[in-house]
N, C-alpha and C. Protein backbone atom coordinates (compact mmCIF):
# COMPACT_ATOMS: atom_id res chain seq x y z
N MET A 1 -16.93 -11.19 7.19
CA MET A 1 -16.36 -11.31 8.61
C MET A 1 -16.61 -9.12 8.96
N SER A 2 -17.05 -8.87 10.26
CA SER A 2 -17.35 -7.47 9.90
C SER A 2 -16.50 -7.12 11.26
N HIS A 3 -16.33 -6.29 11.73
CA HIS A 3 -15.48 -5.26 12.51
C HIS A 3 -16.11 -4.28 12.97
N ASN A 4 -16.99 -3.66 13.73
CA ASN A 4 -17.68 -2.27 14.56
C ASN A 4 -16.39 -1.71 15.16
N ASP A 5 -15.98 -0.45 14.91
CA ASP A 5 -15.40 0.26 15.25
C ASP A 5 -15.76 1.94 15.92
N GLN A 6 -15.55 2.26 16.29
CA GLN A 6 -15.76 3.79 17.11
C GLN A 6 -16.04 4.49 15.80
N GLU A 7 -14.83 4.48 14.95
CA GLU A 7 -15.35 5.23 13.86
C GLU A 7 -16.34 5.39 12.68
N GLY A 8 -16.73 3.77 12.72
CA GLY A 8 -17.48 3.18 12.36
C GLY A 8 -17.43 2.25 11.39
N GLN A 9 -18.40 1.86 10.50
CA GLN A 9 -18.29 0.46 10.53
C GLN A 9 -16.96 0.08 9.37
N ARG A 10 -16.68 -1.30 10.44
CA ARG A 10 -15.71 -1.65 9.28
C ARG A 10 -15.89 -3.02 8.67
N LYS A 11 -15.26 -3.16 7.44
CA LYS A 11 -15.01 -4.64 7.20
C LYS A 11 -13.84 -5.08 6.75
N THR A 12 -13.37 -6.26 6.40
CA THR A 12 -12.12 -6.87 5.93
C THR A 12 -11.93 -6.72 4.65
N TYR A 13 -11.01 -6.45 4.44
CA TYR A 13 -10.59 -6.69 2.79
C TYR A 13 -9.07 -6.91 3.21
N TYR A 14 -8.77 -7.45 1.87
CA TYR A 14 -7.65 -8.72 1.17
C TYR A 14 -6.51 -7.81 0.52
N VAL A 15 -5.87 -7.57 1.04
CA VAL A 15 -4.67 -6.31 0.63
C VAL A 15 -3.66 -7.64 -0.42
N ALA A 16 -3.40 -7.10 -2.03
CA ALA A 16 -2.46 -7.46 -2.26
C ALA A 16 -1.23 -6.11 -2.88
N VAL A 17 -0.16 -6.11 -2.49
CA VAL A 17 -0.04 -5.22 -2.32
C VAL A 17 0.95 -5.26 -3.80
N GLY A 18 2.08 -6.49 -3.62
CA GLY A 18 2.51 -5.99 -5.16
C GLY A 18 1.44 -5.99 -6.37
N ALA A 19 0.45 -6.50 -6.05
CA ALA A 19 -0.75 -6.66 -7.63
C ALA A 19 -1.40 -4.59 -7.20
N GLY A 20 -0.99 -3.96 -6.36
CA GLY A 20 -2.25 -2.81 -5.98
C GLY A 20 -3.54 -3.14 -6.27
N GLN A 21 -4.02 -4.23 -5.23
CA GLN A 21 -4.90 -4.24 -5.03
C GLN A 21 -5.70 -4.63 -3.84
N VAL A 22 -7.18 -3.70 -3.55
CA VAL A 22 -7.97 -3.99 -2.07
C VAL A 22 -9.06 -5.00 -2.66
N LEU A 23 -9.38 -6.13 -1.98
CA LEU A 23 -10.19 -6.71 -1.99
C LEU A 23 -11.47 -7.40 -1.22
N GLU A 24 -12.36 -7.42 -1.25
CA GLU A 24 -13.73 -7.29 -0.40
C GLU A 24 -13.77 -9.29 -0.44
N ASP A 25 -13.54 -10.13 -1.43
CA ASP A 25 -13.49 -11.11 -1.33
C ASP A 25 -12.34 -12.33 -1.50
N SER A 26 -11.87 -12.80 -0.55
CA SER A 26 -10.54 -13.63 -0.20
C SER A 26 -10.37 -14.46 -1.18
N GLU A 27 -11.44 -14.46 -2.29
CA GLU A 27 -11.85 -15.64 -2.86
C GLU A 27 -10.67 -15.26 -4.21
N ALA A 28 -11.23 -14.28 -4.12
CA ALA A 28 -10.75 -13.11 -5.75
C ALA A 28 -10.07 -13.25 -6.83
N ALA A 29 -8.58 -12.86 -5.84
CA ALA A 29 -7.35 -13.18 -6.45
C ALA A 29 -6.59 -13.24 -5.03
N PRO A 30 -5.20 -14.08 -5.10
CA PRO A 30 -4.48 -14.01 -4.15
C PRO A 30 -3.70 -12.60 -3.40
N TYR A 31 -3.73 -12.87 -2.37
CA TYR A 31 -3.32 -11.60 -1.44
C TYR A 31 -2.50 -11.99 -0.08
N GLU A 32 -1.73 -11.06 0.14
CA GLU A 32 -0.96 -10.37 1.60
C GLU A 32 -1.25 -10.39 3.02
N LEU A 33 -2.43 -9.79 2.92
CA LEU A 33 -2.50 -9.26 4.00
C LEU A 33 -3.96 -8.65 4.07
N ALA A 34 -4.55 -9.11 5.17
CA ALA A 34 -5.83 -8.39 5.69
C ALA A 34 -5.88 -7.35 6.83
N ILE A 35 -6.70 -6.27 6.37
CA ILE A 35 -7.25 -5.26 7.23
C ILE A 35 -8.16 -5.55 7.49
N TYR A 36 -8.79 -4.18 8.51
CA TYR A 36 -9.99 -3.62 9.32
C TYR A 36 -10.41 -1.84 8.42
N ALA A 37 -11.03 -1.63 7.66
CA ALA A 37 -11.09 -0.71 7.47
C ALA A 37 -12.72 -0.33 6.41
N THR A 38 -12.82 1.23 6.98
CA THR A 38 -14.02 1.86 6.19
C THR A 38 -14.16 1.96 5.28
N GLU A 39 -15.42 2.39 4.11
CA GLU A 39 -14.69 2.65 3.30
C GLU A 39 -13.88 3.78 3.05
N GLU A 40 -14.27 4.61 3.20
CA GLU A 40 -12.71 5.95 3.33
C GLU A 40 -11.50 5.54 3.21
N GLU A 41 -11.17 4.79 4.59
CA GLU A 41 -9.65 3.96 5.07
C GLU A 41 -9.15 3.45 3.31
N LYS A 42 -10.30 2.26 2.76
CA LYS A 42 -10.30 1.72 1.93
C LYS A 42 -9.94 2.34 0.60
N ASP A 43 -10.74 2.76 0.11
CA ASP A 43 -10.50 4.27 -0.63
C ASP A 43 -8.85 4.95 -0.86
N GLY A 44 -8.50 5.16 0.80
CA GLY A 44 -7.28 6.70 0.53
C GLY A 44 -5.56 5.44 0.19
N LEU A 45 -6.41 4.04 0.41
CA LEU A 45 -5.46 3.00 0.13
C LEU A 45 -5.82 2.60 -1.22
N LYS A 46 -7.12 2.28 -2.17
CA LYS A 46 -6.65 2.43 -3.39
C LYS A 46 -6.14 3.53 -3.89
N ALA A 47 -6.32 4.74 -3.56
CA ALA A 47 -6.03 5.81 -4.00
C ALA A 47 -3.87 6.29 -3.88
N LEU A 48 -3.77 5.40 -2.80
CA LEU A 48 -1.93 5.06 -2.99
C LEU A 48 -1.92 4.41 -3.87
N PHE A 49 -2.51 3.20 -4.08
CA PHE A 49 -1.68 2.05 -4.91
C PHE A 49 -1.86 2.67 -6.19
N ALA A 50 -3.00 3.77 -6.81
CA ALA A 50 -2.80 4.30 -7.83
C ALA A 50 -1.67 5.24 -8.16
N GLU A 51 -1.47 6.09 -7.27
CA GLU A 51 -0.32 7.21 -6.90
C GLU A 51 0.72 6.21 -7.48
N LEU A 52 1.23 4.56 -6.72
CA LEU A 52 2.31 4.42 -6.88
C LEU A 52 2.43 4.06 -8.30
N SER A 53 1.59 3.42 -9.40
CA SER A 53 1.11 2.72 -10.50
C SER A 53 1.45 4.30 -11.07
N SER A 54 0.85 5.19 -11.14
CA SER A 54 1.25 6.52 -12.06
C SER A 54 2.93 6.65 -11.90
N MET A 55 3.17 7.04 -10.84
CA MET A 55 5.17 7.13 -10.21
C MET A 55 5.70 6.06 -11.60
N ASP A 56 5.13 4.42 -11.13
CA ASP A 56 6.09 3.97 -11.55
C ASP A 56 6.06 3.51 -13.26
N GLU A 57 4.46 4.09 -13.83
CA GLU A 57 4.61 4.46 -15.28
C GLU A 57 5.03 5.71 -15.58
N ALA A 58 5.32 6.63 -15.11
CA ALA A 58 5.79 8.10 -15.15
C ALA A 58 7.09 7.86 -15.09
N SER A 59 8.22 7.24 -14.60
CA SER A 59 9.76 6.70 -14.66
C SER A 59 9.82 6.11 -15.92
N MET A 60 8.82 4.69 -16.24
CA MET A 60 9.18 4.17 -17.41
C MET A 60 9.67 5.44 -18.73
N VAL A 61 8.59 5.98 -18.79
CA VAL A 61 8.45 7.18 -20.01
C VAL A 61 9.11 7.48 -19.51
N HIS A 62 9.58 9.12 -18.71
CA HIS A 62 10.91 9.74 -17.98
C HIS A 62 12.41 9.28 -18.61
N PHE A 63 12.39 7.77 -18.14
CA PHE A 63 13.77 7.31 -18.91
C PHE A 63 13.48 6.54 -20.25
N HIS A 64 12.39 6.79 -20.91
CA HIS A 64 12.79 6.07 -22.32
C HIS A 64 12.92 7.19 -22.97
N ARG A 65 11.87 8.14 -22.95
CA ARG A 65 12.16 9.53 -23.86
C ARG A 65 13.35 10.01 -23.60
N SER A 66 14.02 10.14 -21.99
CA SER A 66 15.45 11.30 -21.27
C SER A 66 16.50 10.29 -20.73
N PRO A 67 16.86 9.69 -21.20
CA PRO A 67 17.74 8.31 -19.98
C PRO A 67 18.47 9.34 -19.09
N PHE A 68 18.74 10.91 -19.31
CA PHE A 68 19.99 11.42 -18.62
C PHE A 68 19.45 12.64 -18.51
N GLY A 69 17.62 12.35 -17.81
CA GLY A 69 17.01 13.44 -17.62
C GLY A 69 17.73 14.39 -16.69
N SER A 70 16.49 15.26 -15.76
CA SER A 70 16.82 16.38 -14.76
C SER A 70 16.59 14.89 -13.37
N ALA A 71 16.04 14.22 -13.21
CA ALA A 71 15.32 13.45 -12.63
C ALA A 71 16.47 12.21 -11.88
N SER A 72 17.09 12.26 -10.97
CA SER A 72 18.00 11.03 -11.30
C SER A 72 17.12 9.98 -10.55
N LEU A 73 17.38 8.61 -10.97
CA LEU A 73 16.89 7.07 -10.78
C LEU A 73 16.57 7.37 -9.20
N GLU A 74 17.66 7.36 -8.46
CA GLU A 74 17.30 8.23 -7.03
C GLU A 74 16.16 8.76 -6.53
N GLU A 75 16.07 10.09 -6.96
CA GLU A 75 15.28 10.63 -6.93
C GLU A 75 14.17 10.13 -7.14
N ILE A 76 14.15 9.07 -7.85
CA ILE A 76 12.43 8.21 -8.82
C ILE A 76 12.42 7.08 -7.54
N ASN A 77 13.15 6.49 -7.75
CA ASN A 77 13.54 5.55 -6.11
C ASN A 77 12.74 6.18 -5.28
N GLN A 78 12.94 7.40 -4.03
CA GLN A 78 12.73 8.08 -3.12
C GLN A 78 11.25 8.36 -3.23
N GLY A 79 10.89 8.95 -4.03
CA GLY A 79 9.10 9.04 -4.34
C GLY A 79 8.50 7.65 -4.16
N TYR A 80 8.87 6.79 -5.20
CA TYR A 80 8.04 5.18 -5.14
C TYR A 80 7.85 4.61 -3.62
N GLU A 81 9.53 4.74 -3.23
CA GLU A 81 9.65 4.28 -2.20
C GLU A 81 9.09 4.72 -0.80
N GLY A 82 8.87 6.17 -1.12
CA GLY A 82 7.88 6.93 -0.25
C GLY A 82 6.79 6.56 0.00
N ILE A 83 6.45 6.29 -1.04
CA ILE A 83 4.28 6.06 -1.50
C ILE A 83 4.50 4.67 -0.78
N LEU A 84 5.20 3.48 -1.43
CA LEU A 84 4.96 2.39 -0.86
C LEU A 84 5.31 2.04 0.73
N LYS A 85 5.94 3.23 1.38
CA LYS A 85 5.88 3.07 3.13
C LYS A 85 4.81 3.61 4.00
N GLN A 86 3.75 4.68 2.78
CA GLN A 86 3.07 5.27 3.48
C GLN A 86 2.14 3.82 2.83
N ILE A 87 2.11 2.72 2.27
CA ILE A 87 0.62 2.18 2.24
C ILE A 87 1.20 0.65 3.48
N TYR A 88 2.32 0.58 3.20
CA TYR A 88 2.78 -0.78 4.69
C TYR A 88 2.22 0.04 5.67
N THR A 89 2.95 1.27 6.29
CA THR A 89 1.94 2.20 6.97
C THR A 89 0.55 2.07 7.52
N LEU A 90 0.07 2.75 6.95
CA LEU A 90 -1.34 2.26 6.37
C LEU A 90 -2.37 1.24 7.06
N VAL A 91 -1.46 -0.34 5.64
CA VAL A 91 -1.67 -1.59 6.01
C VAL A 91 -1.36 -1.87 7.95
N ASN A 92 -0.89 -1.39 8.44
CA ASN A 92 -0.17 -1.38 9.10
C ASN A 92 -1.02 -1.07 10.56
N ARG A 93 -1.53 0.07 10.23
CA ARG A 93 -2.12 0.46 11.40
C ARG A 93 -4.02 -0.02 11.38
N LEU A 94 -4.38 -0.35 9.78
CA LEU A 94 -5.41 -1.18 10.06
C LEU A 94 -5.26 -2.36 9.98
N GLY A 95 -4.33 -3.16 9.84
CA GLY A 95 -3.95 -4.55 9.62
C GLY A 95 -4.48 -5.54 11.19
N THR A 96 -5.05 -6.90 11.30
CA THR A 96 -5.19 -7.86 11.51
C THR A 96 -4.52 -7.88 12.41
N GLU A 97 -4.38 -8.80 13.14
CA GLU A 97 -2.89 -9.22 14.57
C GLU A 97 -2.36 -9.71 13.78
N GLU A 98 -2.36 -10.61 12.51
CA GLU A 98 -1.75 -11.65 12.01
C GLU A 98 -1.14 -10.78 10.53
N THR A 99 -1.36 -9.18 10.00
CA THR A 99 -1.20 -8.78 9.77
C THR A 99 0.18 -7.72 10.15
N LYS A 100 -0.24 -7.33 10.64
CA LYS A 100 0.77 -6.82 11.95
C LYS A 100 2.05 -7.45 12.51
N ARG A 101 1.49 -8.48 12.60
CA ARG A 101 2.84 -9.25 12.79
C ARG A 101 3.57 -9.85 11.85
N HIS A 102 3.09 -9.69 10.33
CA HIS A 102 3.53 -10.52 8.95
C HIS A 102 4.56 -9.06 8.65
N ILE A 103 4.02 -7.69 9.09
CA ILE A 103 4.12 -6.19 8.98
C ILE A 103 6.04 -6.71 9.57
N ALA A 104 5.93 -6.74 10.45
CA ALA A 104 7.24 -6.56 11.75
C ALA A 104 8.59 -7.49 11.36
N THR A 105 7.88 -8.66 10.74
CA THR A 105 8.95 -9.59 10.62
C THR A 105 9.69 -8.87 8.55
N MET A 106 9.14 -8.55 8.04
CA MET A 106 9.50 -7.35 7.25
C MET A 106 10.63 -6.40 7.32
N ASN A 107 11.23 -6.08 8.49
CA ASN A 107 12.29 -5.40 8.91
C ASN A 107 11.55 -3.90 8.24
N LEU A 108 10.76 -3.35 8.12
CA LEU A 108 10.45 -1.86 7.32
C LEU A 108 10.96 -1.00 8.35
N ASN A 109 12.01 -0.33 8.02
CA ASN A 109 12.02 1.08 9.01
C ASN A 109 11.20 1.92 8.46
N ILE A 110 9.85 2.19 8.51
CA ILE A 110 8.65 3.33 8.81
C ILE A 110 7.96 3.19 9.93
N GLY A 111 7.97 5.03 9.88
CA GLY A 111 6.93 5.41 11.25
C GLY A 111 6.73 4.61 12.49
N GLY A 112 7.79 4.11 13.19
CA GLY A 112 7.58 3.64 14.32
C GLY A 112 7.50 1.82 14.15
N LEU A 113 7.71 1.25 13.09
CA LEU A 113 8.17 -0.02 12.47
C LEU A 113 8.97 -0.80 12.09
N GLN A 114 9.12 -1.27 13.29
CA GLN A 114 10.70 -1.84 12.92
C GLN A 114 10.89 -3.60 13.31
């Protein structure tokens, strides 16, 4: 299903936040949310997922190498949560009405999402 918008051609994508995936095919893998996005917006969301994954990997390496290192668990969690909030903010902005309703039930305290 395609959705035209003034900003350009938008397509429906399916988002699996836990897996960090943005899918074109709803049958390809389980997903939680649907969005209408341009190619650039989809790529931006994928970049946020990559950043989240990198941060997760970096925190594991950090605590494995120096469990008493300079960055506290709280500081690392704040960075991780910050990226996750950016993801949900973008998904909410691009989301279908059903996606927006679902995010509203999640009680996220991010950028006007309450």
